[in-house]
Amino acid sequence: MVNSISHDIGEESLECKVQWFQALPLSERMDIFCAYMDLILDINPEIPEQKNAQPPQGRFQVISEA
């Protein structure tokens, strides 16, 4: 990993994002988690009342980029 600033989204690999997130202290990780939860609840406040989630029916094929 090169220590420079880039504004090219193509240079933001999943591995770099994982390394960045894992480098955060637990308190900052929880702050990010709470911010996402606040965003989700702002968009759809009925989510906590939804119950009896069911797994999707049928078969699924997971495709990943090699």
PDB file of N, CA and C in Angstrom:
ATOM      1  N   MET A   1       0.847  -1.168   0.000  1.00  0.00           N
ATOM      2  CA  MET A   1       0.000   0.000   0.000  1.00  0.00           C
ATOM      3  C   MET A   1       0.895   1.234   0.000  1.00  0.00           C
ATOM      4  N   VAL A   2       0.607   2.162  -0.897  1.00  0.00           N
ATOM      5  CA  VAL A   2       1.388   3.382  -1.029  1.00  0.00           C
ATOM      6  C   VAL A   2       0.811   4.444  -0.106  1.00  0.00           C
ATOM      7  N   ASN A   3       1.680   5.142   0.611  1.00  0.00           N
ATOM      8  CA  ASN A   3       1.227   6.180   1.529  1.00  0.00           C
ATOM      9  C   ASN A   3       1.077   7.501   0.795  1.00  0.00           C
ATOM     10  N   SER A   4      -0.015   7.642   0.070  1.00  0.00           N
ATOM     11  CA  SER A   4      -0.314   8.880  -0.631  1.00  0.00           C
ATOM     12  C   SER A   4      -1.818   9.077  -0.666  1.00  0.00           C
ATOM     13  N   ILE A   5      -2.219  10.288  -0.983  1.00  0.00           N
ATOM     14  CA  ILE A   5      -3.643  10.607  -1.057  1.00  0.00           C
ATOM     15  C   ILE A   5      -4.101  10.469  -2.497  1.00  0.00           C
ATOM     16  N   SER A   6      -5.209   9.783  -2.671  1.00  0.00           N
ATOM     17  CA  SER A   6      -5.776   9.614  -3.998  1.00  0.00           C
ATOM     18  C   SER A   6      -7.273   9.871  -3.922  1.00  0.00           C
ATOM     19  N   HIS A   7      -7.807  10.459  -4.966  1.00  0.00           N
ATOM     20  CA  HIS A   7      -9.248  10.708  -5.028  1.00  0.00           C
ATOM     21  C   HIS A   7      -9.912   9.844  -6.094  1.00  0.00           C
ATOM     22  N   ASP A   8      -9.204   8.813  -6.526  1.00  0.00           N
ATOM     23  CA  ASP A   8      -9.712   7.896  -7.543  1.00  0.00           C
ATOM     24  C   ASP A   8     -10.406   6.735  -6.853  1.00  0.00           C
ATOM     25  N   ILE A   9     -11.719   6.600  -7.062  1.00  0.00           N
ATOM     26  CA  ILE A   9     -12.472   5.531  -6.400  1.00  0.00           C
ATOM     27  C   ILE A   9     -12.009   4.149  -6.858  1.00  0.00           C
ATOM     28  N   GLY A  10     -11.415   4.074  -8.031  1.00  0.00           N
ATOM     29  CA  GLY A  10     -10.913   2.796  -8.534  1.00  0.00           C
ATOM     30  C   GLY A  10      -9.751   2.257  -7.729  1.00  0.00           C
ATOM     31  N   GLU A  11      -9.091   3.115  -6.961  1.00  0.00           N
ATOM     32  CA  GLU A  11      -7.969   2.684  -6.142  1.00  0.00           C
ATOM     33  C   GLU A  11      -8.399   2.267  -4.734  1.00  0.00           C
ATOM     34  N   GLU A  12      -9.684   2.314  -4.446  1.00  0.00           N
ATOM     35  CA  GLU A  12     -10.189   1.936  -3.138  1.00  0.00           C
ATOM     36  C   GLU A  12     -10.624   0.476  -3.168  1.00  0.00           C
ATOM     37  N   SER A  13      -9.705  -0.414  -2.951  1.00  0.00           N
ATOM     38  CA  SER A  13     -10.030  -1.835  -2.983  1.00  0.00           C
ATOM     39  C   SER A  13     -10.720  -2.246  -1.686  1.00  0.00           C
ATOM     40  N   LEU A  14     -11.412  -3.357  -1.742  1.00  0.00           N
ATOM     41  CA  LEU A  14     -12.075  -3.879  -0.557  1.00  0.00           C
ATOM     42  C   LEU A  14     -11.061  -4.186   0.537  1.00  0.00           C
ATOM     43  N   GLU A  15      -9.895  -4.694   0.150  1.00  0.00           N
ATOM     44  CA  GLU A  15      -8.860  -5.017   1.126  1.00  0.00           C
ATOM     45  C   GLU A  15      -8.380  -3.766   1.861  1.00  0.00           C
ATOM     46  N   CYS A  16      -8.228  -2.660   1.144  1.00  0.00           N
ATOM     47  CA  CYS A  16      -7.805  -1.407   1.776  1.00  0.00           C
ATOM     48  C   CYS A  16      -8.860  -0.910   2.756  1.00  0.00           C
ATOM     49  N   LYS A  17     -10.127  -1.050   2.376  1.00  0.00           N
ATOM     50  CA  LYS A  17     -11.201  -0.627   3.267  1.00  0.00           C
ATOM     51  C   LYS A  17     -11.236  -1.483   4.524  1.00  0.00           C
ATOM     52  N   VAL A  18     -11.005  -2.774   4.373  1.00  0.00           N
ATOM     53  CA  VAL A  18     -10.989  -3.686   5.521  1.00  0.00           C
ATOM     54  C   VAL A  18      -9.837  -3.333   6.445  1.00  0.00           C
ATOM     55  N   GLN A  19      -8.663  -3.093   5.891  1.00  0.00           N
ATOM     56  CA  GLN A  19      -7.503  -2.718   6.709  1.00  0.00           C
ATOM     57  C   GLN A  19      -7.769  -1.423   7.465  1.00  0.00           C
ATOM     58  N   TRP A  20      -8.386  -0.450   6.788  1.00  0.00           N
ATOM     59  CA  TRP A  20      -8.703   0.814   7.446  1.00  0.00           C
ATOM     60  C   TRP A  20      -9.667   0.581   8.607  1.00  0.00           C
ATOM     61  N   PHE A  21     -10.731  -0.192   8.369  1.00  0.00           N
ATOM     62  CA  PHE A  21     -11.733  -0.416   9.406  1.00  0.00           C
ATOM     63  C   PHE A  21     -11.134  -1.180  10.583  1.00  0.00           C
ATOM     64  N   GLN A  22     -10.313  -2.192  10.305  1.00  0.00           N
ATOM     65  CA  GLN A  22      -9.718  -2.976  11.385  1.00  0.00           C
ATOM     66  C   GLN A  22      -8.699  -2.170  12.183  1.00  0.00           C
ATOM     67  N   ALA A  23      -8.160  -1.118  11.603  1.00  0.00           N
ATOM     68  CA  ALA A  23      -7.196  -0.283  12.305  1.00  0.00           C
ATOM     69  C   ALA A  23      -7.870   0.672  13.293  1.00  0.00           C
ATOM     70  N   LEU A  24      -9.179   0.841  13.162  1.00  0.00           N
ATOM     71  CA  LEU A  24      -9.894   1.732  14.069  1.00  0.00           C
ATOM     72  C   LEU A  24     -10.024   1.107  15.448  1.00  0.00           C
ATOM     73  N   PRO A  25      -9.994   1.919  16.497  1.00  0.00           N
ATOM     74  CA  PRO A  25     -10.279   1.381  17.832  1.00  0.00           C
ATOM     75  C   PRO A  25     -11.746   0.968  17.928  1.00  0.00           C
ATOM     76  N   LEU A  26     -12.044   0.103  18.859  1.00  0.00           N
ATOM     77  CA  LEU A  26     -13.400  -0.424  19.006  1.00  0.00           C
ATOM     78  C   LEU A  26     -14.420   0.696  19.192  1.00  0.00           C
ATOM     79  N   SER A  27     -14.080   1.728  19.928  1.00  0.00           N
ATOM     80  CA  SER A  27     -15.032   2.824  20.157  1.00  0.00           C
ATOM     81  C   SER A  27     -15.409   3.509  18.839  1.00  0.00           C
ATOM     82  N   GLU A  28     -14.444   3.701  17.939  1.00  0.00           N
ATOM     83  CA  GLU A  28     -14.753   4.316  16.653  1.00  0.00           C
ATOM     84  C   GLU A  28     -15.553   3.379  15.756  1.00  0.00           C
ATOM     85  N   ARG A  29     -15.276   2.083  15.825  1.00  0.00           N
ATOM     86  CA  ARG A  29     -16.071   1.117  15.060  1.00  0.00           C
ATOM     87  C   ARG A  29     -17.529   1.163  15.511  1.00  0.00           C
ATOM     88  N   MET A  30     -17.735   1.240  16.823  1.00  0.00           N
ATOM     89  CA  MET A  30     -19.095   1.294  17.343  1.00  0.00           C
ATOM     90  C   MET A  30     -19.777   2.603  16.956  1.00  0.00           C
ATOM     91  N   ASP A  31     -19.028   3.708  16.910  1.00  0.00           N
ATOM     92  CA  ASP A  31     -19.603   4.974  16.464  1.00  0.00           C
ATOM     93  C   ASP A  31     -20.100   4.861  15.025  1.00  0.00           C
ATOM     94  N   ILE A  32     -19.315   4.210  14.167  1.00  0.00           N
ATOM     95  CA  ILE A  32     -19.723   4.016  12.774  1.00  0.00           C
ATOM     96  C   ILE A  32     -20.969   3.135  12.708  1.00  0.00           C
ATOM     97  N   PHE A  33     -20.977   2.053  13.480  1.00  0.00           N
ATOM     98  CA  PHE A  33     -22.134   1.163  13.517  1.00  0.00           C
ATOM     99  C   PHE A  33     -23.386   1.921  13.953  1.00  0.00           C
ATOM    100  N   CYS A  34     -23.262   2.723  14.995  1.00  0.00           N
ATOM    101  CA  CYS A  34     -24.411   3.489  15.497  1.00  0.00           C
ATOM    102  C   CYS A  34     -24.875   4.513  14.470  1.00  0.00           C
ATOM    103  N   ALA A  35     -23.949   5.125  13.755  1.00  0.00           N
ATOM    104  CA  ALA A  35     -24.324   6.089  12.719  1.00  0.00           C
ATOM    105  C   ALA A  35     -25.114   5.398  11.611  1.00  0.00           C
ATOM    106  N   TYR A  36     -24.684   4.195  11.208  1.00  0.00           N
ATOM    107  CA  TYR A  36     -25.429   3.447  10.189  1.00  0.00           C
ATOM    108  C   TYR A  36     -26.818   3.072  10.702  1.00  0.00           C
ATOM    109  N   MET A  37     -26.897   2.642  11.955  1.00  0.00           N
ATOM    110  CA  MET A  37     -28.206   2.271  12.508  1.00  0.00           C
ATOM    111  C   MET A  37     -29.129   3.478  12.575  1.00  0.00           C
ATOM    112  N   ASP A  38     -28.599   4.642  12.961  1.00  0.00           N
ATOM    113  CA  ASP A  38     -29.414   5.860  12.985  1.00  0.00           C
ATOM    114  C   ASP A  38     -29.919   6.201  11.591  1.00  0.00           C
ATOM    115  N   LEU A  39     -29.064   6.057  10.590  1.00  0.00           N
ATOM    116  CA  LEU A  39     -29.462   6.320   9.212  1.00  0.00           C
ATOM    117  C   LEU A  39     -30.578   5.371   8.770  1.00  0.00           C
ATOM    118  N   ILE A  40     -30.409   4.092   9.070  1.00  0.00           N
ATOM    119  CA  ILE A  40     -31.414   3.090   8.692  1.00  0.00           C
ATOM    120  C   ILE A  40     -32.747   3.386   9.370  1.00  0.00           C
ATOM    121  N   LEU A  41     -32.700   3.733  10.661  1.00  0.00           N
ATOM    122  CA  LEU A  41     -33.945   4.015  11.385  1.00  0.00           C
ATOM    123  C   LEU A  41     -34.582   5.320  10.933  1.00  0.00           C
ATOM    124  N   ASP A  42     -33.771   6.285  10.489  1.00  0.00           N
ATOM    125  CA  ASP A  42     -34.343   7.513   9.941  1.00  0.00           C
ATOM    126  C   ASP A  42     -35.090   7.237   8.640  1.00  0.00           C
ATOM    127  N   ILE A  43     -34.550   6.340   7.832  1.00  0.00           N
ATOM    128  CA  ILE A  43     -35.173   6.013   6.556  1.00  0.00           C
ATOM    129  C   ILE A  43     -36.426   5.169   6.755  1.00  0.00           C
ATOM    130  N   ASN A  44     -36.350   4.181   7.672  1.00  0.00           N
ATOM    131  CA  ASN A  44     -37.470   3.269   7.890  1.00  0.00           C
ATOM    132  C   ASN A  44     -37.644   3.033   9.392  1.00  0.00           C
ATOM    133  N   PRO A  45     -38.414   3.895  10.085  1.00  0.00           N
ATOM    134  CA  PRO A  45     -38.552   3.768  11.539  1.00  0.00           C
ATOM    135  C   PRO A  45     -39.321   2.530  12.002  1.00  0.00           C
ATOM    136  N   GLU A  46     -39.995   1.819  11.086  1.00  0.00           N
ATOM    137  CA  GLU A  46     -40.761   0.635  11.498  1.00  0.00           C
ATOM    138  C   GLU A  46     -39.910  -0.630  11.590  1.00  0.00           C
ATOM    139  N   ILE A  47     -38.646  -0.546  11.283  1.00  0.00           N
ATOM    140  CA  ILE A  47     -37.796  -1.748  11.285  1.00  0.00           C
ATOM    141  C   ILE A  47     -37.808  -2.480  12.628  1.00  0.00           C
ATOM    142  N   PRO A  48     -37.711  -1.796  13.763  1.00  0.00           N
ATOM    143  CA  PRO A  48     -37.714  -2.552  15.033  1.00  0.00           C
ATOM    144  C   PRO A  48     -39.011  -3.325  15.289  1.00  0.00           C
ATOM    145  N   GLU A  49     -40.115  -2.878  14.724  1.00  0.00           N
ATOM    146  CA  GLU A  49     -41.394  -3.571  14.943  1.00  0.00           C
ATOM    147  C   GLU A  49     -41.578  -4.776  14.039  1.00  0.00           C
ATOM    148  N   GLN A  50     -40.768  -4.895  13.007  1.00  0.00           N
ATOM    149  CA  GLN A  50     -40.905  -6.029  12.091  1.00  0.00           C
ATOM    150  C   GLN A  50     -40.406  -7.292  12.786  1.00  0.00           C
ATOM    151  N   LYS A  51     -41.230  -8.325  12.752  1.00  0.00           N
ATOM    152  CA  LYS A  51     -40.892  -9.577  13.425  1.00  0.00           C
ATOM    153  C   LYS A  51     -41.089 -10.743  12.467  1.00  0.00           C
ATOM    154  N   ASN A  52     -40.670 -11.899  12.923  1.00  0.00           N
ATOM    155  CA  ASN A  52     -40.855 -13.141  12.184  1.00  0.00           C
ATOM    156  C   ASN A  52     -40.186 -13.100  10.811  1.00  0.00           C
ATOM    157  N   ALA A  53     -38.965 -12.664  10.791  1.00  0.00           N
ATOM    158  CA  ALA A  53     -38.233 -12.662   9.526  1.00  0.00           C
ATOM    159  C   ALA A  53     -38.074 -14.094   9.038  1.00  0.00           C
ATOM    160  N   GLN A  54     -38.301 -14.297   7.766  1.00  0.00           N
ATOM    161  CA  GLN A  54     -38.214 -15.620   7.171  1.00  0.00           C
ATOM    162  C   GLN A  54     -37.065 -15.650   6.171  1.00  0.00           C
ATOM    163  N   PRO A  55     -36.374 -16.780   6.085  1.00  0.00           N
ATOM    164  CA  PRO A  55     -35.315 -16.877   5.075  1.00  0.00           C
ATOM    165  C   PRO A  55     -35.939 -16.895   3.680  1.00  0.00           C
ATOM    166  N   PRO A  56     -35.227 -16.398   2.693  1.00  0.00           N
ATOM    167  CA  PRO A  56     -35.773 -16.414   1.334  1.00  0.00           C
ATOM    168  C   PRO A  56     -35.937 -17.842   0.829  1.00  0.00           C
ATOM    169  N   GLN A  57     -36.918 -18.027  -0.016  1.00  0.00           N
ATOM    170  CA  GLN A  57     -37.196 -19.344  -0.578  1.00  0.00           C
ATOM    171  C   GLN A  57     -36.386 -19.553  -1.849  1.00  0.00           C
ATOM    172  N   GLY A  58     -36.073 -20.785  -2.138  1.00  0.00           N
ATOM    173  CA  GLY A  58     -35.381 -21.111  -3.382  1.00  0.00           C
ATOM    174  C   GLY A  58     -33.880 -21.229  -3.203  1.00  0.00           C
ATOM    175  N   ARG A  59     -33.213 -21.350  -4.325  1.00  0.00           N
ATOM    176  CA  ARG A  59     -31.763 -21.511  -4.327  1.00  0.00           C
ATOM    177  C   ARG A  59     -31.109 -20.216  -4.784  1.00  0.00           C
ATOM    178  N   PHE A  60     -29.885 -19.984  -4.306  1.00  0.00           N
ATOM    179  CA  PHE A  60     -29.144 -18.791  -4.673  1.00  0.00           C
ATOM    180  C   PHE A  60     -27.745 -19.179  -5.076  1.00  0.00           C
ATOM    181  N   GLN A  61     -27.231 -18.470  -6.042  1.00  0.00           N
ATOM    182  CA  GLN A  61     -25.852 -18.676  -6.461  1.00  0.00           C
ATOM    183  C   GLN A  61     -25.092 -17.397  -6.171  1.00  0.00           C
ATOM    184  N   VAL A  62     -24.025 -17.513  -5.387  1.00  0.00           N
ATOM    185  CA  VAL A  62     -23.207 -16.355  -5.050  1.00  0.00           C
ATOM    186  C   VAL A  62     -22.073 -16.271  -6.062  1.00  0.00           C
ATOM    187  N   ILE A  63     -21.985 -15.123  -6.705  1.00  0.00           N
ATOM    188  CA  ILE A  63     -20.953 -14.909  -7.719  1.00  0.00           C
ATOM    189  C   ILE A  63     -19.998 -13.859  -7.182  1.00  0.00           C
ATOM    190  N   SER A  64     -18.710 -14.175  -7.241  1.00  0.00           N
ATOM    191  CA  SER A  64     -17.720 -13.210  -6.794  1.00  0.00           C
ATOM    192  C   SER A  64     -16.682 -12.992  -7.875  1.00  0.00           C
ATOM    193  N   GLU A  65     -16.109 -11.815  -7.851  1.00  0.00           N
ATOM    194  CA  GLU A  65     -15.084 -11.481  -8.829  1.00  0.00           C
ATOM    195  C   GLU A  65     -13.777 -12.143  -8.414  1.00  0.00           C
ATOM    196  N   ALA A  66     -13.152 -12.857  -9.343  1.00  0.00           N
ATOM    197  CA  ALA A  66     -11.913 -13.566  -9.008  1.00  0.00           C
ATOM    198  C   ALA A  66     -10.713 -12.693  -9.255  1.00  0.00           C
TER     199      ALA A  66
END
